[in-house]
């Protein structure tokens, strides 16, 4: 089973570039456009790694996303 990663990035070009690179490296990659979308995905899917931009524009920040990850999976 491939490791699953969530990439949270508000810049489309960066988001797509990261998905391509990480997929080629063997990860299964889900994308979130903003913090709220990431929080919703975290509620239904478990991830081995979350890679997030800290400044996501509107809504929850990257730090908010990481705090939620830590609450859901402290390990």
PDB file of N, CA and C in Angstrom:
ATOM      1  N   UNK A   1       0.837  -1.176   0.000  1.00  0.00           N
ATOM      2  CA  UNK A   1       0.000   0.000   0.000  1.00  0.00           C
ATOM      3  C   UNK A   1       0.891   1.251   0.000  1.00  0.00           C
ATOM      4  N   UNK A   2       0.575   2.185  -0.862  1.00  0.00           N
ATOM      5  CA  UNK A   2       1.351   3.420  -0.965  1.00  0.00           C
ATOM      6  C   UNK A   2       1.067   4.335   0.219  1.00  0.00           C
ATOM      7  N   UNK A   3       2.093   5.065   0.679  1.00  0.00           N
ATOM      8  CA  UNK A   3       1.842   6.067   1.710  1.00  0.00           C
ATOM      9  C   UNK A   3       0.920   7.155   1.156  1.00  0.00           C
ATOM     10  N   UNK A   4      -0.003   7.624   1.978  1.00  0.00           N
ATOM     11  CA  UNK A   4      -0.979   8.634   1.550  1.00  0.00           C
ATOM     12  C   UNK A   4      -0.582   9.994   2.119  1.00  0.00           C
ATOM     13  N   UNK A   5      -0.612  11.003   1.248  1.00  0.00           N
ATOM     14  CA  UNK A   5      -0.201  12.349   1.625  1.00  0.00           C
ATOM     15  C   UNK A   5      -1.289  13.348   1.248  1.00  0.00           C
ATOM     16  N   UNK A   6      -1.471  14.349   2.092  1.00  0.00           N
ATOM     17  CA  UNK A   6      -2.363  15.466   1.789  1.00  0.00           C
ATOM     18  C   UNK A   6      -1.501  16.703   1.573  1.00  0.00           C
ATOM     19  N   UNK A   7      -1.663  17.337   0.408  1.00  0.00           N
ATOM     20  CA  UNK A   7      -0.969  18.579   0.086  1.00  0.00           C
ATOM     21  C   UNK A   7      -1.990  19.708   0.145  1.00  0.00           C
ATOM     22  N   UNK A   8      -1.726  20.705   0.986  1.00  0.00           N
ATOM     23  CA  UNK A   8      -2.619  21.851   1.152  1.00  0.00           C
ATOM     24  C   UNK A   8      -1.879  23.078   0.623  1.00  0.00           C
ATOM     25  N   UNK A   9      -2.345  23.597  -0.496  1.00  0.00           N
ATOM     26  CA  UNK A   9      -1.658  24.711  -1.161  1.00  0.00           C
ATOM     27  C   UNK A   9      -2.682  25.509  -1.951  1.00  0.00           C
ATOM     28  N   UNK A  10      -2.682  26.835  -1.766  1.00  0.00           N
ATOM     29  CA  UNK A  10      -3.655  27.667  -2.456  1.00  0.00           C
ATOM     30  C   UNK A  10      -3.206  28.088  -3.854  1.00  0.00           C
ATOM     31  N   UNK A  11      -1.944  27.922  -4.188  1.00  0.00           N
ATOM     32  CA  UNK A  11      -1.445  28.248  -5.529  1.00  0.00           C
ATOM     33  C   UNK A  11      -1.571  27.023  -6.429  1.00  0.00           C
ATOM     34  N   UNK A  12      -2.389  27.138  -7.474  1.00  0.00           N
ATOM     35  CA  UNK A  12      -2.689  26.005  -8.349  1.00  0.00           C
ATOM     36  C   UNK A  12      -1.434  25.376  -8.948  1.00  0.00           C
ATOM     37  N   UNK A  13      -0.533  26.179  -9.495  1.00  0.00           N
ATOM     38  CA  UNK A  13       0.661  25.641 -10.153  1.00  0.00           C
ATOM     39  C   UNK A  13       1.537  24.856  -9.174  1.00  0.00           C
ATOM     40  N   UNK A  14       1.711  25.375  -7.978  1.00  0.00           N
ATOM     41  CA  UNK A  14       2.519  24.687  -6.968  1.00  0.00           C
ATOM     42  C   UNK A  14       1.838  23.391  -6.545  1.00  0.00           C
ATOM     43  N   UNK A  15       0.533  23.460  -6.329  1.00  0.00           N
ATOM     44  CA  UNK A  15      -0.238  22.281  -5.923  1.00  0.00           C
ATOM     45  C   UNK A  15      -0.086  21.154  -6.947  1.00  0.00           C
ATOM     46  N   UNK A  16      -0.265  21.484  -8.218  1.00  0.00           N
ATOM     47  CA  UNK A  16      -0.172  20.466  -9.270  1.00  0.00           C
ATOM     48  C   UNK A  16       1.251  19.944  -9.438  1.00  0.00           C
ATOM     49  N   UNK A  17       2.242  20.822  -9.316  1.00  0.00           N
ATOM     50  CA  UNK A  17       3.636  20.388  -9.420  1.00  0.00           C
ATOM     51  C   UNK A  17       3.987  19.420  -8.289  1.00  0.00           C
ATOM     52  N   UNK A  18       3.561  19.745  -7.070  1.00  0.00           N
ATOM     53  CA  UNK A  18       3.824  18.851  -5.936  1.00  0.00           C
ATOM     54  C   UNK A  18       3.140  17.508  -6.113  1.00  0.00           C
ATOM     55  N   UNK A  19       1.908  17.525  -6.611  1.00  0.00           N
ATOM     56  CA  UNK A  19       1.202  16.259  -6.832  1.00  0.00           C
ATOM     57  C   UNK A  19       1.956  15.397  -7.832  1.00  0.00           C
ATOM     58  N   UNK A  20       2.399  15.986  -8.940  1.00  0.00           N
ATOM     59  CA  UNK A  20       3.136  15.221  -9.941  1.00  0.00           C
ATOM     60  C   UNK A  20       4.426  14.640  -9.390  1.00  0.00           C
ATOM     61  N   UNK A  21       5.193  15.461  -8.712  1.00  0.00           N
ATOM     62  CA  UNK A  21       6.464  15.024  -8.144  1.00  0.00           C
ATOM     63  C   UNK A  21       6.272  13.915  -7.112  1.00  0.00           C
ATOM     64  N   UNK A  22       5.349  14.123  -6.194  1.00  0.00           N
ATOM     65  CA  UNK A  22       5.137  13.151  -5.113  1.00  0.00           C
ATOM     66  C   UNK A  22       4.516  11.856  -5.621  1.00  0.00           C
ATOM     67  N   UNK A  23       3.666  11.944  -6.619  1.00  0.00           N
ATOM     68  CA  UNK A  23       3.085  10.739  -7.220  1.00  0.00           C
ATOM     69  C   UNK A  23       4.186   9.909  -7.879  1.00  0.00           C
ATOM     70  N   UNK A  24       5.081  10.564  -8.593  1.00  0.00           N
ATOM     71  CA  UNK A  24       6.202   9.853  -9.220  1.00  0.00           C
ATOM     72  C   UNK A  24       7.111   9.203  -8.179  1.00  0.00           C
ATOM     73  N   UNK A  25       7.161   9.778  -6.993  1.00  0.00           N
ATOM     74  CA  UNK A  25       7.987   9.220  -5.919  1.00  0.00           C
ATOM     75  C   UNK A  25       7.280   8.085  -5.171  1.00  0.00           C
ATOM     76  N   UNK A  26       6.037   7.788  -5.556  1.00  0.00           N
ATOM     77  CA  UNK A  26       5.356   6.638  -4.974  1.00  0.00           C
ATOM     78  C   UNK A  26       4.284   6.944  -3.944  1.00  0.00           C
ATOM     79  N   UNK A  27       3.952   8.209  -3.758  1.00  0.00           N
ATOM     80  CA  UNK A  27       2.904   8.568  -2.806  1.00  0.00           C
ATOM     81  C   UNK A  27       1.546   8.598  -3.488  1.00  0.00           C
ATOM     82  N   UNK A  28       0.516   8.297  -2.727  1.00  0.00           N
ATOM     83  CA  UNK A  28      -0.847   8.554  -3.152  1.00  0.00           C
ATOM     84  C   UNK A  28      -1.176   9.936  -2.602  1.00  0.00           C
ATOM     85  N   UNK A  29      -1.490  10.891  -3.483  1.00  0.00           N
ATOM     86  CA  UNK A  29      -1.588  12.299  -3.095  1.00  0.00           C
ATOM     87  C   UNK A  29      -3.010  12.817  -3.261  1.00  0.00           C
ATOM     88  N   UNK A  30      -3.534  13.396  -2.188  1.00  0.00           N
ATOM     89  CA  UNK A  30      -4.790  14.138  -2.229  1.00  0.00           C
ATOM     90  C   UNK A  30      -4.442  15.610  -2.106  1.00  0.00           C
ATOM     91  N   UNK A  31      -5.279  16.454  -2.712  1.00  0.00           N
ATOM     92  CA  UNK A  31      -5.033  17.889  -2.711  1.00  0.00           C
ATOM     93  C   UNK A  31      -6.149  18.639  -2.002  1.00  0.00           C
ATOM     94  N   UNK A  32      -5.780  19.732  -1.352  1.00  0.00           N
ATOM     95  CA  UNK A  32      -6.752  20.654  -0.760  1.00  0.00           C
ATOM     96  C   UNK A  32      -6.349  22.065  -1.165  1.00  0.00           C
ATOM     97  N   UNK A  33      -7.330  22.848  -1.602  1.00  0.00           N
ATOM     98  CA  UNK A  33      -7.084  24.196  -2.109  1.00  0.00           C
ATOM     99  C   UNK A  33      -6.949  25.220  -0.987  1.00  0.00           C
ATOM    100  N   UNK A  34      -7.580  24.945   0.149  1.00  0.00           N
ATOM    101  CA  UNK A  34      -7.533  25.874   1.275  1.00  0.00           C
ATOM    102  C   UNK A  34      -7.685  25.095   2.576  1.00  0.00           C
ATOM    103  N   UNK A  35      -7.518  25.794   3.695  1.00  0.00           N
ATOM    104  CA  UNK A  35      -7.538  25.147   4.999  1.00  0.00           C
ATOM    105  C   UNK A  35      -8.844  24.435   5.321  1.00  0.00           C
ATOM    106  N   UNK A  36      -9.969  25.038   4.969  1.00  0.00           N
ATOM    107  CA  UNK A  36     -11.257  24.409   5.273  1.00  0.00           C
ATOM    108  C   UNK A  36     -11.417  23.083   4.529  1.00  0.00           C
ATOM    109  N   UNK A  37     -10.997  23.056   3.267  1.00  0.00           N
ATOM    110  CA  UNK A  37     -11.062  21.810   2.489  1.00  0.00           C
ATOM    111  C   UNK A  37     -10.168  20.744   3.126  1.00  0.00           C
ATOM    112  N   UNK A  38      -9.005  21.155   3.606  1.00  0.00           N
ATOM    113  CA  UNK A  38      -8.104  20.207   4.267  1.00  0.00           C
ATOM    114  C   UNK A  38      -8.738  19.643   5.531  1.00  0.00           C
ATOM    115  N   UNK A  39      -9.365  20.505   6.339  1.00  0.00           N
ATOM    116  CA  UNK A  39     -10.011  20.041   7.566  1.00  0.00           C
ATOM    117  C   UNK A  39     -11.128  19.055   7.259  1.00  0.00           C
ATOM    118  N   UNK A  40     -11.871  19.305   6.200  1.00  0.00           N
ATOM    119  CA  UNK A  40     -12.939  18.385   5.800  1.00  0.00           C
ATOM    120  C   UNK A  40     -12.361  17.035   5.386  1.00  0.00           C
ATOM    121  N   UNK A  41     -11.284  17.046   4.612  1.00  0.00           N
ATOM    122  CA  UNK A  41     -10.656  15.800   4.181  1.00  0.00           C
ATOM    123  C   UNK A  41     -10.082  15.026   5.360  1.00  0.00           C
ATOM    124  N   UNK A  42      -9.534  15.743   6.334  1.00  0.00           N
ATOM    125  CA  UNK A  42      -8.981  15.077   7.514  1.00  0.00           C
ATOM    126  C   UNK A  42     -10.065  14.371   8.326  1.00  0.00           C
ATOM    127  N   UNK A  43     -11.298  14.841   8.191  1.00  0.00           N
ATOM    128  CA  UNK A  43     -12.400  14.212   8.901  1.00  0.00           C
ATOM    129  C   UNK A  43     -12.837  12.877   8.313  1.00  0.00           C
ATOM    130  N   UNK A  44     -12.462  12.627   7.069  1.00  0.00           N
ATOM    131  CA  UNK A  44     -12.914  11.395   6.404  1.00  0.00           C
ATOM    132  C   UNK A  44     -11.774  10.494   5.952  1.00  0.00           C
ATOM    133  N   UNK A  45     -10.557  11.000   5.958  1.00  0.00           N
ATOM    134  CA  UNK A  45      -9.424  10.228   5.448  1.00  0.00           C
ATOM    135  C   UNK A  45      -8.232  10.359   6.386  1.00  0.00           C
ATOM    136  N   UNK A  46      -7.488   9.300   6.517  1.00  0.00           N
ATOM    137  CA  UNK A  46      -6.275   9.296   7.328  1.00  0.00           C
ATOM    138  C   UNK A  46      -5.065   9.464   6.405  1.00  0.00           C
ATOM    139  N   UNK A  47      -4.069  10.225   6.850  1.00  0.00           N
ATOM    140  CA  UNK A  47      -2.881  10.492   6.033  1.00  0.00           C
ATOM    141  C   UNK A  47      -1.613  10.137   6.791  1.00  0.00           C
ATOM    142  N   UNK A  48      -0.619   9.671   6.049  1.00  0.00           N
ATOM    143  CA  UNK A  48       0.691   9.404   6.615  1.00  0.00           C
ATOM    144  C   UNK A  48       1.499  10.692   6.771  1.00  0.00           C
ATOM    145  N   UNK A  49       1.208  11.662   5.905  1.00  0.00           N
ATOM    146  CA  UNK A  49       1.935  12.923   5.933  1.00  0.00           C
ATOM    147  C   UNK A  49       1.041  14.036   5.398  1.00  0.00           C
ATOM    148  N   UNK A  50       1.117  15.202   6.036  1.00  0.00           N
ATOM    149  CA  UNK A  50       0.406  16.390   5.560  1.00  0.00           C
ATOM    150  C   UNK A  50       1.451  17.456   5.275  1.00  0.00           C
ATOM    151  N   UNK A  51       1.434  17.953   4.043  1.00  0.00           N
ATOM    152  CA  UNK A  51       2.337  19.018   3.616  1.00  0.00           C
ATOM    153  C   UNK A  51       1.482  20.241   3.336  1.00  0.00           C
ATOM    154  N   UNK A  52       1.707  21.316   4.078  1.00  0.00           N
ATOM    155  CA  UNK A  52       0.844  22.478   3.934  1.00  0.00           C
ATOM    156  C   UNK A  52       1.620  23.783   3.854  1.00  0.00           C
ATOM    157  N   UNK A  53       1.083  24.677   3.044  1.00  0.00           N
ATOM    158  CA  UNK A  53       1.524  26.073   3.034  1.00  0.00           C
ATOM    159  C   UNK A  53       1.013  26.665   4.350  1.00  0.00           C
ATOM    160  N   UNK A  54       1.771  27.504   4.991  1.00  0.00           N
ATOM    161  CA  UNK A  54       1.308  28.082   6.256  1.00  0.00           C
ATOM    162  C   UNK A  54       0.346  29.244   6.035  1.00  0.00           C
ATOM    163  N   UNK A  55       0.555  30.025   4.984  1.00  0.00           N
ATOM    164  CA  UNK A  55      -0.303  31.174   4.672  1.00  0.00           C
ATOM    165  C   UNK A  55      -1.227  30.782   3.521  1.00  0.00           C
ATOM    166  N   UNK A  56      -2.451  30.413   3.859  1.00  0.00           N
ATOM    167  CA  UNK A  56      -3.387  29.892   2.858  1.00  0.00           C
ATOM    168  C   UNK A  56      -4.420  30.912   2.397  1.00  0.00           C
ATOM    169  N   UNK A  57      -4.239  32.154   2.708  1.00  0.00           N
ATOM    170  CA  UNK A  57      -5.211  33.154   2.276  1.00  0.00           C
ATOM    171  C   UNK A  57      -6.358  33.239   3.268  1.00  0.00           C
ATOM    172  N   UNK A  58      -7.564  32.906   2.835  1.00  0.00           N
ATOM    173  CA  UNK A  58      -8.751  32.999   3.700  1.00  0.00           C
ATOM    174  C   UNK A  58      -8.992  31.696   4.451  1.00  0.00           C
ATOM    175  N   UNK A  59      -9.724  31.787   5.542  1.00  0.00           N
ATOM    176  CA  UNK A  59     -10.076  30.589   6.312  1.00  0.00           C
ATOM    177  C   UNK A  59      -8.941  30.108   7.193  1.00  0.00           C
ATOM    178  N   UNK A  60      -9.016  28.837   7.603  1.00  0.00           N
ATOM    179  CA  UNK A  60      -7.995  28.275   8.486  1.00  0.00           C
ATOM    180  C   UNK A  60      -6.608  28.314   7.837  1.00  0.00           C
ATOM    181  N   UNK A  61      -5.601  28.584   8.651  1.00  0.00           N
ATOM    182  CA  UNK A  61      -4.211  28.636   8.175  1.00  0.00           C
ATOM    183  C   UNK A  61      -3.613  27.233   8.140  1.00  0.00           C
ATOM    184  N   UNK A  62      -2.424  27.149   7.603  1.00  0.00           N
ATOM    185  CA  UNK A  62      -1.707  25.883   7.613  1.00  0.00           C
ATOM    186  C   UNK A  62      -1.443  25.392   9.026  1.00  0.00           C
ATOM    187  N   UNK A  63      -1.180  26.313   9.944  1.00  0.00           N
ATOM    188  CA  UNK A  63      -0.972  25.918  11.347  1.00  0.00           C
ATOM    189  C   UNK A  63      -2.252  25.357  11.955  1.00  0.00           C
ATOM    190  N   UNK A  64      -3.411  25.911  11.581  1.00  0.00           N
ATOM    191  CA  UNK A  64      -4.689  25.370  12.053  1.00  0.00           C
ATOM    192  C   UNK A  64      -4.864  23.933  11.567  1.00  0.00           C
ATOM    193  N   UNK A  65      -4.489  23.697  10.324  1.00  0.00           N
ATOM    194  CA  UNK A  65      -4.581  22.353   9.751  1.00  0.00           C
ATOM    195  C   UNK A  65      -3.672  21.402  10.525  1.00  0.00           C
ATOM    196  N   UNK A  66      -2.444  21.815  10.779  1.00  0.00           N
ATOM    197  CA  UNK A  66      -1.508  20.945  11.496  1.00  0.00           C
ATOM    198  C   UNK A  66      -1.956  20.671  12.931  1.00  0.00           C
ATOM    199  N   UNK A  67      -2.548  21.663  13.588  1.00  0.00           N
ATOM    200  CA  UNK A  67      -3.078  21.450  14.943  1.00  0.00           C
ATOM    201  C   UNK A  67      -4.175  20.392  14.929  1.00  0.00           C
ATOM    202  N   UNK A  68      -5.029  20.451  13.912  1.00  0.00           N
ATOM    203  CA  UNK A  68      -6.113  19.464  13.798  1.00  0.00           C
ATOM    204  C   UNK A  68      -5.554  18.070  13.540  1.00  0.00           C
ATOM    205  N   UNK A  69      -4.538  17.983  12.688  1.00  0.00           N
ATOM    206  CA  UNK A  69      -3.887  16.693  12.430  1.00  0.00           C
ATOM    207  C   UNK A  69      -3.376  16.116  13.750  1.00  0.00           C
ATOM    208  N   UNK A  70      -2.731  16.950  14.533  1.00  0.00           N
ATOM    209  CA  UNK A  70      -2.169  16.500  15.813  1.00  0.00           C
ATOM    210  C   UNK A  70      -3.262  16.030  16.777  1.00  0.00           C
ATOM    211  N   UNK A  71      -4.432  16.700  16.746  1.00  0.00           N
ATOM    212  CA  UNK A  71      -5.554  16.270  17.585  1.00  0.00           C
ATOM    213  C   UNK A  71      -6.073  14.910  17.136  1.00  0.00           C
ATOM    214  N   UNK A  72      -6.171  14.720  15.836  1.00  0.00           N
ATOM    215  CA  UNK A  72      -6.741  13.478  15.294  1.00  0.00           C
ATOM    216  C   UNK A  72      -5.778  12.299  15.413  1.00  0.00           C
ATOM    217  N   UNK A  73      -4.489  12.570  15.183  1.00  0.00           N
ATOM    218  CA  UNK A  73      -3.487  11.493  15.201  1.00  0.00           C
ATOM    219  C   UNK A  73      -2.234  11.976  15.917  1.00  0.00           C
ATOM    220  N   UNK A  74      -2.227  11.960  17.229  1.00  0.00           N
ATOM    221  CA  UNK A  74      -1.092  12.470  17.999  1.00  0.00           C
ATOM    222  C   UNK A  74       0.236  11.782  17.686  1.00  0.00           C
ATOM    223  N   UNK A  75       0.161  10.556  17.196  1.00  0.00           N
ATOM    224  CA  UNK A  75       1.403   9.832  16.892  1.00  0.00           C
ATOM    225  C   UNK A  75       2.078  10.406  15.678  1.00  0.00           C
TER     226      UNK A  75
END
